[in-house]
């Protein structure tokens, strides 16, 4: 019972280091159709 009560119900954030941020940014916006919440020259959050 105690293990069932502590089950993961979702992930809040996942972070990935990428070599071509521009290409992945474009992919997630245009192909996957995700909304960019925040961005900078070195990161983007969807």
ModelCIF file with pLDDT and N, C-alpha, C, O atoms, coordinates in Angstrom:
data_MODEL
#
_entry.id   MODEL 
#
_entity.id                         1 
_entity.type                       polymer 
_entity.pdbx_number_of_molecules   1 
#
_entity_poly.entity_id                      1 
_entity_poly.type                           'polypeptide(L)' 
_entity_poly.nstd_linkage                   no 
_entity_poly.nstd_monomer                   no 
_entity_poly.pdbx_seq_one_letter_code       
;(UNK)(UNK)(UNK)(UNK)(UNK)(UNK)(UNK)(UNK)(UNK)(UNK)(UNK)(UNK)(UNK)(UNK)(UNK)(UNK)
(UNK)(UNK)(UNK)(UNK)(UNK)(UNK)(UNK)(UNK)(UNK)(UNK)(UNK)(UNK)(UNK)(UNK)(UNK)(UNK)
(UNK)(UNK)(UNK)(UNK)(UNK)(UNK)(UNK)(UNK)(UNK)(UNK)(UNK)(UNK)(UNK)(UNK)
;
_entity_poly.pdbx_seq_one_letter_code_can   XXXXXXXXXXXXXXXXXXXXXXXXXXXXXXXXXXXXXXXXXXXXXX 
_entity_poly.pdbx_strand_id                 A 
#
loop_
_entity_poly_seq.entity_id 
_entity_poly_seq.num 
_entity_poly_seq.mon_id 
_entity_poly_seq.hetero 
1 1  UNK n 
1 2  UNK n 
1 3  UNK n 
1 4  UNK n 
1 5  UNK n 
1 6  UNK n 
1 7  UNK n 
1 8  UNK n 
1 9  UNK n 
1 10 UNK n 
1 11 UNK n 
1 12 UNK n 
1 13 UNK n 
1 14 UNK n 
1 15 UNK n 
1 16 UNK n 
1 17 UNK n 
1 18 UNK n 
1 19 UNK n 
1 20 UNK n 
1 21 UNK n 
1 22 UNK n 
1 23 UNK n 
1 24 UNK n 
1 25 UNK n 
1 26 UNK n 
1 27 UNK n 
1 28 UNK n 
1 29 UNK n 
1 30 UNK n 
1 31 UNK n 
1 32 UNK n 
1 33 UNK n 
1 34 UNK n 
1 35 UNK n 
1 36 UNK n 
1 37 UNK n 
1 38 UNK n 
1 39 UNK n 
1 40 UNK n 
1 41 UNK n 
1 42 UNK n 
1 43 UNK n 
1 44 UNK n 
1 45 UNK n 
1 46 UNK n 
#
_struct_asym.id          A 
_struct_asym.entity_id   1 
#
loop_
_ma_qa_metric.id 
_ma_qa_metric.mode 
_ma_qa_metric.name 
_ma_qa_metric.software_group_id 
_ma_qa_metric.type 
1 global pLDDT . pLDDT 
2 local  pLDDT . pLDDT 
#
_ma_qa_metric_global.metric_id      1 
_ma_qa_metric_global.metric_value   86.20 
_ma_qa_metric_global.model_id       1 
_ma_qa_metric_global.ordinal_id     1 
#
loop_
_ma_qa_metric_local.label_asym_id 
_ma_qa_metric_local.label_comp_id 
_ma_qa_metric_local.label_seq_id 
_ma_qa_metric_local.metric_id 
_ma_qa_metric_local.metric_value 
_ma_qa_metric_local.model_id 
_ma_qa_metric_local.ordinal_id 
A UNK 1  2 63.00 1 1  
A UNK 2  2 60.00 1 2  
A UNK 3  2 60.00 1 3  
A UNK 4  2 63.00 1 4  
A UNK 5  2 71.00 1 5  
A UNK 6  2 73.00 1 6  
A UNK 7  2 75.00 1 7  
A UNK 8  2 69.00 1 8  
A UNK 9  2 68.00 1 9  
A UNK 10 2 68.00 1 10 
A UNK 11 2 70.00 1 11 
A UNK 12 2 76.00 1 12 
A UNK 13 2 83.00 1 13 
A UNK 14 2 86.00 1 14 
A UNK 15 2 88.00 1 15 
A UNK 16 2 90.00 1 16 
A UNK 17 2 91.00 1 17 
A UNK 18 2 93.00 1 18 
A UNK 19 2 93.00 1 19 
A UNK 20 2 95.00 1 20 
A UNK 21 2 95.00 1 21 
A UNK 22 2 95.00 1 22 
A UNK 23 2 96.00 1 23 
A UNK 24 2 95.00 1 24 
A UNK 25 2 95.00 1 25 
A UNK 26 2 96.00 1 26 
A UNK 27 2 96.00 1 27 
A UNK 28 2 95.00 1 28 
A UNK 29 2 94.00 1 29 
A UNK 30 2 95.00 1 30 
A UNK 31 2 96.00 1 31 
A UNK 32 2 94.00 1 32 
A UNK 33 2 95.00 1 33 
A UNK 34 2 93.00 1 34 
A UNK 35 2 87.00 1 35 
A UNK 36 2 94.00 1 36 
A UNK 37 2 93.00 1 37 
A UNK 38 2 93.00 1 38 
A UNK 39 2 92.00 1 39 
A UNK 40 2 88.00 1 40 
A UNK 41 2 88.00 1 41 
A UNK 42 2 89.00 1 42 
A UNK 43 2 92.00 1 43 
A UNK 44 2 95.00 1 44 
A UNK 45 2 95.00 1 45 
A UNK 46 2 94.00 1 46 
#
loop_
_atom_site.group_PDB 
_atom_site.id 
_atom_site.type_symbol 
_atom_site.label_atom_id 
_atom_site.label_alt_id 
_atom_site.label_comp_id 
_atom_site.label_asym_id 
_atom_site.label_entity_id 
_atom_site.label_seq_id 
_atom_site.pdbx_PDB_ins_code 
_atom_site.Cartn_x 
_atom_site.Cartn_y 
_atom_site.Cartn_z 
_atom_site.occupancy 
_atom_site.B_iso_or_equiv 
_atom_site.pdbx_formal_charge 
_atom_site.auth_seq_id 
_atom_site.auth_comp_id 
_atom_site.auth_asym_id 
_atom_site.auth_atom_id 
_atom_site.pdbx_PDB_model_num 
ATOM 1   N N  . UNK A 1 1  ? 0.812  -1.223 0.000   1.00 63.00 ? 1  UNK A N  1 
ATOM 2   C CA . UNK A 1 1  ? 0.000  0.000  0.000   1.00 63.00 ? 1  UNK A CA 1 
ATOM 3   C C  . UNK A 1 1  ? 0.846  1.274  0.000   1.00 63.00 ? 1  UNK A C  1 
ATOM 4   O O  . UNK A 1 1  ? 0.527  2.212  -0.730  1.00 63.00 ? 1  UNK A O  1 
ATOM 5   N N  . UNK A 1 2  ? 1.915  1.331  0.799   1.00 60.00 ? 2  UNK A N  1 
ATOM 6   C CA . UNK A 1 2  ? 2.718  2.558  0.868   1.00 60.00 ? 2  UNK A CA 1 
ATOM 7   C C  . UNK A 1 2  ? 3.458  2.808  -0.442  1.00 60.00 ? 2  UNK A C  1 
ATOM 8   O O  . UNK A 1 2  ? 3.642  3.962  -0.828  1.00 60.00 ? 2  UNK A O  1 
ATOM 9   N N  . UNK A 1 3  ? 3.887  1.752  -1.134  1.00 60.00 ? 3  UNK A N  1 
ATOM 10  C CA . UNK A 1 3  ? 4.538  1.920  -2.443  1.00 60.00 ? 3  UNK A CA 1 
ATOM 11  C C  . UNK A 1 3  ? 3.549  2.460  -3.465  1.00 60.00 ? 3  UNK A C  1 
ATOM 12  O O  . UNK A 1 3  ? 3.923  3.290  -4.293  1.00 60.00 ? 3  UNK A O  1 
ATOM 13  N N  . UNK A 1 4  ? 2.309  2.017  -3.430  1.00 63.00 ? 4  UNK A N  1 
ATOM 14  C CA . UNK A 1 4  ? 1.288  2.526  -4.365  1.00 63.00 ? 4  UNK A CA 1 
ATOM 15  C C  . UNK A 1 4  ? 1.002  3.999  -4.125  1.00 63.00 ? 4  UNK A C  1 
ATOM 16  O O  . UNK A 1 4  ? 0.747  4.739  -5.075  1.00 63.00 ? 4  UNK A O  1 
ATOM 17  N N  . UNK A 1 5  ? 1.037  4.428  -2.899  1.00 71.00 ? 5  UNK A N  1 
ATOM 18  C CA . UNK A 1 5  ? 0.754  5.823  -2.575  1.00 71.00 ? 5  UNK A CA 1 
ATOM 19  C C  . UNK A 1 5  ? 1.858  6.753  -3.058  1.00 71.00 ? 5  UNK A C  1 
ATOM 20  O O  . UNK A 1 5  ? 1.602  7.939  -3.261  1.00 71.00 ? 5  UNK A O  1 
ATOM 21  N N  . UNK A 1 6  ? 3.065  6.261  -3.246  1.00 73.00 ? 6  UNK A N  1 
ATOM 22  C CA . UNK A 1 6  ? 4.190  7.082  -3.652  1.00 73.00 ? 6  UNK A CA 1 
ATOM 23  C C  . UNK A 1 6  ? 4.525  6.946  -5.131  1.00 73.00 ? 6  UNK A C  1 
ATOM 24  O O  . UNK A 1 6  ? 5.624  7.327  -5.534  1.00 73.00 ? 6  UNK A O  1 
ATOM 25  N N  . UNK A 1 7  ? 3.649  6.435  -5.934  1.00 75.00 ? 7  UNK A N  1 
ATOM 26  C CA . UNK A 1 7  ? 3.923  6.238  -7.355  1.00 75.00 ? 7  UNK A CA 1 
ATOM 27  C C  . UNK A 1 7  ? 4.092  7.579  -8.063  1.00 75.00 ? 7  UNK A C  1 
ATOM 28  O O  . UNK A 1 7  ? 3.425  8.557  -7.727  1.00 75.00 ? 7  UNK A O  1 
ATOM 29  N N  . UNK A 1 8  ? 4.970  7.612  -9.026  1.00 69.00 ? 8  UNK A N  1 
ATOM 30  C CA . UNK A 1 8  ? 5.180  8.812  -9.835  1.00 69.00 ? 8  UNK A CA 1 
ATOM 31  C C  . UNK A 1 8  ? 3.926  9.051  -10.663 1.00 69.00 ? 8  UNK A C  1 
ATOM 32  O O  . UNK A 1 8  ? 3.429  8.142  -11.327 1.00 69.00 ? 8  UNK A O  1 
ATOM 33  N N  . UNK A 1 9  ? 3.420  10.271 -10.620 1.00 68.00 ? 9  UNK A N  1 
ATOM 34  C CA . UNK A 1 9  ? 2.201  10.610 -11.350 1.00 68.00 ? 9  UNK A CA 1 
ATOM 35  C C  . UNK A 1 9  ? 2.486  11.449 -12.577 1.00 68.00 ? 9  UNK A C  1 
ATOM 36  O O  . UNK A 1 9  ? 1.605  11.660 -13.411 1.00 68.00 ? 9  UNK A O  1 
ATOM 37  N N  . UNK A 1 10 ? 3.701  11.923 -12.689 1.00 68.00 ? 10 UNK A N  1 
ATOM 38  C CA . UNK A 1 10 ? 4.072  12.718 -13.852 1.00 68.00 ? 10 UNK A CA 1 
ATOM 39  C C  . UNK A 1 10 ? 5.450  13.336 -13.657 1.00 68.00 ? 10 UNK A C  1 
ATOM 40  O O  . UNK A 1 10 ? 5.971  13.387 -12.543 1.00 68.00 ? 10 UNK A O  1 
ATOM 41  N N  . UNK A 1 11 ? 6.021  13.797 -14.740 1.00 70.00 ? 11 UNK A N  1 
ATOM 42  C CA . UNK A 1 11 ? 7.305  14.498 -14.690 1.00 70.00 ? 11 UNK A CA 1 
ATOM 43  C C  . UNK A 1 11 ? 7.045  15.968 -14.957 1.00 70.00 ? 11 UNK A C  1 
ATOM 44  O O  . UNK A 1 11 ? 6.314  16.313 -15.885 1.00 70.00 ? 11 UNK A O  1 
ATOM 45  N N  . UNK A 1 12 ? 7.632  16.825 -14.162 1.00 76.00 ? 12 UNK A N  1 
ATOM 46  C CA . UNK A 1 12 ? 7.437  18.254 -14.350 1.00 76.00 ? 12 UNK A CA 1 
ATOM 47  C C  . UNK A 1 12 ? 8.357  18.831 -15.403 1.00 76.00 ? 12 UNK A C  1 
ATOM 48  O O  . UNK A 1 12 ? 7.930  19.613 -16.253 1.00 76.00 ? 12 UNK A O  1 
ATOM 49  N N  . UNK A 1 13 ? 9.619  18.447 -15.348 1.00 83.00 ? 13 UNK A N  1 
ATOM 50  C CA . UNK A 1 13 ? 10.609 19.014 -16.260 1.00 83.00 ? 13 UNK A CA 1 
ATOM 51  C C  . UNK A 1 13 ? 11.587 17.942 -16.717 1.00 83.00 ? 13 UNK A C  1 
ATOM 52  O O  . UNK A 1 13 ? 11.995 17.072 -15.948 1.00 83.00 ? 13 UNK A O  1 
ATOM 53  N N  . UNK A 1 14 ? 11.950 18.029 -17.986 1.00 86.00 ? 14 UNK A N  1 
ATOM 54  C CA . UNK A 1 14 ? 12.991 17.192 -18.555 1.00 86.00 ? 14 UNK A CA 1 
ATOM 55  C C  . UNK A 1 14 ? 13.953 18.144 -19.254 1.00 86.00 ? 14 UNK A C  1 
ATOM 56  O O  . UNK A 1 14 ? 13.526 19.007 -20.021 1.00 86.00 ? 14 UNK A O  1 
ATOM 57  N N  . UNK A 1 15 ? 15.245 17.991 -18.994 1.00 88.00 ? 15 UNK A N  1 
ATOM 58  C CA . UNK A 1 15 ? 16.266 18.854 -19.605 1.00 88.00 ? 15 UNK A CA 1 
ATOM 59  C C  . UNK A 1 15 ? 17.230 18.001 -20.414 1.00 88.00 ? 15 UNK A C  1 
ATOM 60  O O  . UNK A 1 15 ? 17.667 16.939 -19.972 1.00 88.00 ? 15 UNK A O  1 
ATOM 61  N N  . UNK A 1 16 ? 17.558 18.492 -21.619 1.00 90.00 ? 16 UNK A N  1 
ATOM 62  C CA . UNK A 1 16 ? 18.448 17.770 -22.514 1.00 90.00 ? 16 UNK A CA 1 
ATOM 63  C C  . UNK A 1 16 ? 19.474 18.745 -23.088 1.00 90.00 ? 16 UNK A C  1 
ATOM 64  O O  . UNK A 1 16 ? 19.122 19.849 -23.505 1.00 90.00 ? 16 UNK A O  1 
ATOM 65  N N  . UNK A 1 17 ? 20.732 18.339 -23.109 1.00 91.00 ? 17 UNK A N  1 
ATOM 66  C CA . UNK A 1 17 ? 21.785 19.119 -23.772 1.00 91.00 ? 17 UNK A CA 1 
ATOM 67  C C  . UNK A 1 17 ? 21.826 18.676 -25.232 1.00 91.00 ? 17 UNK A C  1 
ATOM 68  O O  . UNK A 1 17 ? 21.873 17.478 -25.513 1.00 91.00 ? 17 UNK A O  1 
ATOM 69  N N  . UNK A 1 18 ? 21.810 19.626 -26.161 1.00 93.00 ? 18 UNK A N  1 
ATOM 70  C CA . UNK A 1 18 ? 21.779 19.318 -27.596 1.00 93.00 ? 18 UNK A CA 1 
ATOM 71  C C  . UNK A 1 18 ? 22.910 20.035 -28.327 1.00 93.00 ? 18 UNK A C  1 
ATOM 72  O O  . UNK A 1 18 ? 23.398 21.070 -27.873 1.00 93.00 ? 18 UNK A O  1 
ATOM 73  N N  . UNK A 1 19 ? 23.316 19.481 -29.452 1.00 93.00 ? 19 UNK A N  1 
ATOM 74  C CA . UNK A 1 19 ? 24.398 20.087 -30.229 1.00 93.00 ? 19 UNK A CA 1 
ATOM 75  C C  . UNK A 1 19 ? 23.907 21.167 -31.174 1.00 93.00 ? 19 UNK A C  1 
ATOM 76  O O  . UNK A 1 19 ? 24.642 22.109 -31.468 1.00 93.00 ? 19 UNK A O  1 
ATOM 77  N N  . UNK A 1 20 ? 22.664 21.048 -31.662 1.00 95.00 ? 20 UNK A N  1 
ATOM 78  C CA . UNK A 1 20 ? 22.129 22.038 -32.601 1.00 95.00 ? 20 UNK A CA 1 
ATOM 79  C C  . UNK A 1 20 ? 20.818 22.585 -32.055 1.00 95.00 ? 20 UNK A C  1 
ATOM 80  O O  . UNK A 1 20 ? 19.737 22.146 -32.449 1.00 95.00 ? 20 UNK A O  1 
ATOM 81  N N  . UNK A 1 21 ? 20.926 23.547 -31.147 1.00 95.00 ? 21 UNK A N  1 
ATOM 82  C CA . UNK A 1 21 ? 19.751 24.118 -30.491 1.00 95.00 ? 21 UNK A CA 1 
ATOM 83  C C  . UNK A 1 21 ? 18.790 24.729 -31.498 1.00 95.00 ? 21 UNK A C  1 
ATOM 84  O O  . UNK A 1 21 ? 17.577 24.564 -31.371 1.00 95.00 ? 21 UNK A O  1 
ATOM 85  N N  . UNK A 1 22 ? 19.305 25.422 -32.484 1.00 95.00 ? 22 UNK A N  1 
ATOM 86  C CA . UNK A 1 22 ? 18.443 26.067 -33.486 1.00 95.00 ? 22 UNK A CA 1 
ATOM 87  C C  . UNK A 1 22 ? 17.571 25.034 -34.211 1.00 95.00 ? 22 UNK A C  1 
ATOM 88  O O  . UNK A 1 22 ? 16.368 25.241 -34.373 1.00 95.00 ? 22 UNK A O  1 
ATOM 89  N N  . UNK A 1 23 ? 18.172 23.933 -34.644 1.00 96.00 ? 23 UNK A N  1 
ATOM 90  C CA . UNK A 1 23 ? 17.418 22.896 -35.374 1.00 96.00 ? 23 UNK A CA 1 
ATOM 91  C C  . UNK A 1 23 ? 16.355 22.253 -34.490 1.00 96.00 ? 23 UNK A C  1 
ATOM 92  O O  . UNK A 1 23 ? 15.227 22.039 -34.933 1.00 96.00 ? 23 UNK A O  1 
ATOM 93  N N  . UNK A 1 24 ? 16.711 21.940 -33.231 1.00 95.00 ? 24 UNK A N  1 
ATOM 94  C CA . UNK A 1 24 ? 15.737 21.321 -32.329 1.00 95.00 ? 24 UNK A CA 1 
ATOM 95  C C  . UNK A 1 24 ? 14.637 22.300 -31.940 1.00 95.00 ? 24 UNK A C  1 
ATOM 96  O O  . UNK A 1 24 ? 13.477 21.908 -31.808 1.00 95.00 ? 24 UNK A O  1 
ATOM 97  N N  . UNK A 1 25 ? 14.987 23.562 -31.758 1.00 95.00 ? 25 UNK A N  1 
ATOM 98  C CA . UNK A 1 25 ? 13.996 24.597 -31.460 1.00 95.00 ? 25 UNK A CA 1 
ATOM 99  C C  . UNK A 1 25 ? 12.966 24.652 -32.593 1.00 95.00 ? 25 UNK A C  1 
ATOM 100 O O  . UNK A 1 25 ? 11.760 24.639 -32.350 1.00 95.00 ? 25 UNK A O  1 
ATOM 101 N N  . UNK A 1 26 ? 13.453 24.714 -33.812 1.00 96.00 ? 26 UNK A N  1 
ATOM 102 C CA . UNK A 1 26 ? 12.577 24.756 -34.985 1.00 96.00 ? 26 UNK A CA 1 
ATOM 103 C C  . UNK A 1 26 ? 11.719 23.491 -35.069 1.00 96.00 ? 26 UNK A C  1 
ATOM 104 O O  . UNK A 1 26 ? 10.523 23.575 -35.348 1.00 96.00 ? 26 UNK A O  1 
ATOM 105 N N  . UNK A 1 27 ? 12.320 22.319 -34.829 1.00 96.00 ? 27 UNK A N  1 
ATOM 106 C CA . UNK A 1 27 ? 11.592 21.049 -34.875 1.00 96.00 ? 27 UNK A CA 1 
ATOM 107 C C  . UNK A 1 27 ? 10.436 21.028 -33.879 1.00 96.00 ? 27 UNK A C  1 
ATOM 108 O O  . UNK A 1 27 ? 9.309  20.700 -34.251 1.00 96.00 ? 27 UNK A O  1 
ATOM 109 N N  . UNK A 1 28 ? 10.701 21.372 -32.619 1.00 95.00 ? 28 UNK A N  1 
ATOM 110 C CA . UNK A 1 28 ? 9.640  21.323 -31.604 1.00 95.00 ? 28 UNK A CA 1 
ATOM 111 C C  . UNK A 1 28 ? 8.551  22.358 -31.852 1.00 95.00 ? 28 UNK A C  1 
ATOM 112 O O  . UNK A 1 28 ? 7.388  22.106 -31.535 1.00 95.00 ? 28 UNK A O  1 
ATOM 113 N N  . UNK A 1 29 ? 8.892  23.509 -32.406 1.00 94.00 ? 29 UNK A N  1 
ATOM 114 C CA . UNK A 1 29 ? 7.866  24.516 -32.703 1.00 94.00 ? 29 UNK A CA 1 
ATOM 115 C C  . UNK A 1 29 ? 7.059  24.161 -33.945 1.00 94.00 ? 29 UNK A C  1 
ATOM 116 O O  . UNK A 1 29 ? 5.830  24.237 -33.922 1.00 94.00 ? 29 UNK A O  1 
ATOM 117 N N  . UNK A 1 30 ? 7.731  23.774 -35.027 1.00 95.00 ? 30 UNK A N  1 
ATOM 118 C CA . UNK A 1 30 ? 7.062  23.592 -36.306 1.00 95.00 ? 30 UNK A CA 1 
ATOM 119 C C  . UNK A 1 30 ? 6.509  22.192 -36.543 1.00 95.00 ? 30 UNK A C  1 
ATOM 120 O O  . UNK A 1 30 ? 5.432  22.046 -37.121 1.00 95.00 ? 30 UNK A O  1 
ATOM 121 N N  . UNK A 1 31 ? 7.215  21.179 -36.115 1.00 96.00 ? 31 UNK A N  1 
ATOM 122 C CA . UNK A 1 31 ? 6.780  19.806 -36.377 1.00 96.00 ? 31 UNK A CA 1 
ATOM 123 C C  . UNK A 1 31 ? 5.940  19.252 -35.226 1.00 96.00 ? 31 UNK A C  1 
ATOM 124 O O  . UNK A 1 31 ? 4.848  18.728 -35.445 1.00 96.00 ? 31 UNK A O  1 
ATOM 125 N N  . UNK A 1 32 ? 6.451  19.371 -34.012 1.00 94.00 ? 32 UNK A N  1 
ATOM 126 C CA . UNK A 1 32 ? 5.740  18.844 -32.848 1.00 94.00 ? 32 UNK A CA 1 
ATOM 127 C C  . UNK A 1 32 ? 4.657  19.826 -32.372 1.00 94.00 ? 32 UNK A C  1 
ATOM 128 O O  . UNK A 1 32 ? 3.749  19.451 -31.630 1.00 94.00 ? 32 UNK A O  1 
ATOM 129 N N  . UNK A 1 33 ? 4.769  21.078 -32.809 1.00 95.00 ? 33 UNK A N  1 
ATOM 130 C CA . UNK A 1 33 ? 3.794  22.138 -32.481 1.00 95.00 ? 33 UNK A CA 1 
ATOM 131 C C  . UNK A 1 33 ? 3.706  22.418 -30.987 1.00 95.00 ? 33 UNK A C  1 
ATOM 132 O O  . UNK A 1 33 ? 2.614  22.477 -30.421 1.00 95.00 ? 33 UNK A O  1 
ATOM 133 N N  . UNK A 1 34 ? 4.853  22.590 -30.356 1.00 93.00 ? 34 UNK A N  1 
ATOM 134 C CA . UNK A 1 34 ? 4.913  22.931 -28.941 1.00 93.00 ? 34 UNK A CA 1 
ATOM 135 C C  . UNK A 1 34 ? 5.189  24.412 -28.782 1.00 93.00 ? 34 UNK A C  1 
ATOM 136 O O  . UNK A 1 34 ? 5.894  25.018 -29.590 1.00 93.00 ? 34 UNK A O  1 
ATOM 137 N N  . UNK A 1 35 ? 4.633  24.981 -27.746 1.00 87.00 ? 35 UNK A N  1 
ATOM 138 C CA . UNK A 1 35 ? 4.772  26.406 -27.437 1.00 87.00 ? 35 UNK A CA 1 
ATOM 139 C C  . UNK A 1 35 ? 6.063  26.644 -26.652 1.00 87.00 ? 35 UNK A C  1 
ATOM 140 O O  . UNK A 1 35 ? 6.295  26.003 -25.628 1.00 87.00 ? 35 UNK A O  1 
ATOM 141 N N  . UNK A 1 36 ? 6.901  27.567 -27.133 1.00 94.00 ? 36 UNK A N  1 
ATOM 142 C CA . UNK A 1 36 ? 8.114  27.940 -26.403 1.00 94.00 ? 36 UNK A CA 1 
ATOM 143 C C  . UNK A 1 36 ? 7.717  28.876 -25.264 1.00 94.00 ? 36 UNK A C  1 
ATOM 144 O O  . UNK A 1 36 ? 7.150  29.942 -25.504 1.00 94.00 ? 36 UNK A O  1 
ATOM 145 N N  . UNK A 1 37 ? 8.010  28.485 -24.035 1.00 93.00 ? 37 UNK A N  1 
ATOM 146 C CA . UNK A 1 37 ? 7.685  29.306 -22.865 1.00 93.00 ? 37 UNK A CA 1 
ATOM 147 C C  . UNK A 1 37 ? 8.764  30.335 -22.572 1.00 93.00 ? 37 UNK A C  1 
ATOM 148 O O  . UNK A 1 37 ? 8.482  31.441 -22.111 1.00 93.00 ? 37 UNK A O  1 
ATOM 149 N N  . UNK A 1 38 ? 10.017 29.948 -22.851 1.00 93.00 ? 38 UNK A N  1 
ATOM 150 C CA . UNK A 1 38 ? 11.145 30.820 -22.570 1.00 93.00 ? 38 UNK A CA 1 
ATOM 151 C C  . UNK A 1 38 ? 12.286 30.436 -23.496 1.00 93.00 ? 38 UNK A C  1 
ATOM 152 O O  . UNK A 1 38 ? 12.457 29.266 -23.840 1.00 93.00 ? 38 UNK A O  1 
ATOM 153 N N  . UNK A 1 39 ? 13.073 31.446 -23.898 1.00 92.00 ? 39 UNK A N  1 
ATOM 154 C CA . UNK A 1 39 ? 14.219 31.123 -24.748 1.00 92.00 ? 39 UNK A CA 1 
ATOM 155 C C  . UNK A 1 39 ? 15.298 32.174 -24.611 1.00 92.00 ? 39 UNK A C  1 
ATOM 156 O O  . UNK A 1 39 ? 15.063 33.320 -24.228 1.00 92.00 ? 39 UNK A O  1 
ATOM 157 N N  . UNK A 1 40 ? 16.488 31.722 -24.943 1.00 88.00 ? 40 UNK A N  1 
ATOM 158 C CA . UNK A 1 40 ? 17.687 32.540 -24.872 1.00 88.00 ? 40 UNK A CA 1 
ATOM 159 C C  . UNK A 1 40 ? 18.592 31.983 -25.956 1.00 88.00 ? 40 UNK A C  1 
ATOM 160 O O  . UNK A 1 40 ? 18.229 31.008 -26.614 1.00 88.00 ? 40 UNK A O  1 
ATOM 161 N N  . UNK A 1 41 ? 19.747 32.569 -26.158 1.00 88.00 ? 41 UNK A N  1 
ATOM 162 C CA . UNK A 1 41 ? 20.648 32.046 -27.188 1.00 88.00 ? 41 UNK A CA 1 
ATOM 163 C C  . UNK A 1 41 ? 21.210 30.676 -26.823 1.00 88.00 ? 41 UNK A C  1 
ATOM 164 O O  . UNK A 1 41 ? 21.698 29.967 -27.702 1.00 88.00 ? 41 UNK A O  1 
ATOM 165 N N  . UNK A 1 42 ? 21.155 30.281 -25.542 1.00 89.00 ? 42 UNK A N  1 
ATOM 166 C CA . UNK A 1 42 ? 21.729 29.001 -25.138 1.00 89.00 ? 42 UNK A CA 1 
ATOM 167 C C  . UNK A 1 42 ? 20.707 27.985 -24.608 1.00 89.00 ? 42 UNK A C  1 
ATOM 168 O O  . UNK A 1 42 ? 21.090 26.883 -24.216 1.00 89.00 ? 42 UNK A O  1 
ATOM 169 N N  . UNK A 1 43 ? 19.410 28.341 -24.588 1.00 92.00 ? 43 UNK A N  1 
ATOM 170 C CA . UNK A 1 43 ? 18.388 27.392 -24.147 1.00 92.00 ? 43 UNK A CA 1 
ATOM 171 C C  . UNK A 1 43 ? 17.016 27.771 -24.684 1.00 92.00 ? 43 UNK A C  1 
ATOM 172 O O  . UNK A 1 43 ? 16.788 28.905 -25.107 1.00 92.00 ? 43 UNK A O  1 
ATOM 173 N N  . UNK A 1 44 ? 16.100 26.795 -24.658 1.00 95.00 ? 44 UNK A N  1 
ATOM 174 C CA . UNK A 1 44 ? 14.692 27.033 -24.959 1.00 95.00 ? 44 UNK A CA 1 
ATOM 175 C C  . UNK A 1 44 ? 13.882 26.049 -24.117 1.00 95.00 ? 44 UNK A C  1 
ATOM 176 O O  . UNK A 1 44 ? 14.270 24.892 -23.956 1.00 95.00 ? 44 UNK A O  1 
ATOM 177 N N  . UNK A 1 45 ? 12.745 26.522 -23.579 1.00 95.00 ? 45 UNK A N  1 
ATOM 178 C CA . UNK A 1 45 ? 11.877 25.687 -22.756 1.00 95.00 ? 45 UNK A CA 1 
ATOM 179 C C  . UNK A 1 45 ? 10.518 25.607 -23.447 1.00 95.00 ? 45 UNK A C  1 
ATOM 180 O O  . UNK A 1 45 ? 9.931  26.629 -23.802 1.00 95.00 ? 45 UNK A O  1 
ATOM 181 N N  . UNK A 1 46 ? 10.023 24.377 -23.633 1.00 94.00 ? 46 UNK A N  1 
ATOM 182 C CA . UNK A 1 46 ? 8.736  24.141 -24.275 1.00 94.00 ? 46 UNK A CA 1 
ATOM 183 C C  . UNK A 1 46 ? 7.737  23.577 -23.291 1.00 94.00 ? 46 UNK A C  1 
ATOM 184 O O  . UNK A 1 46 ? 6.591  23.314 -23.656 1.00 94.00 ? 46 UNK A O  1 
#
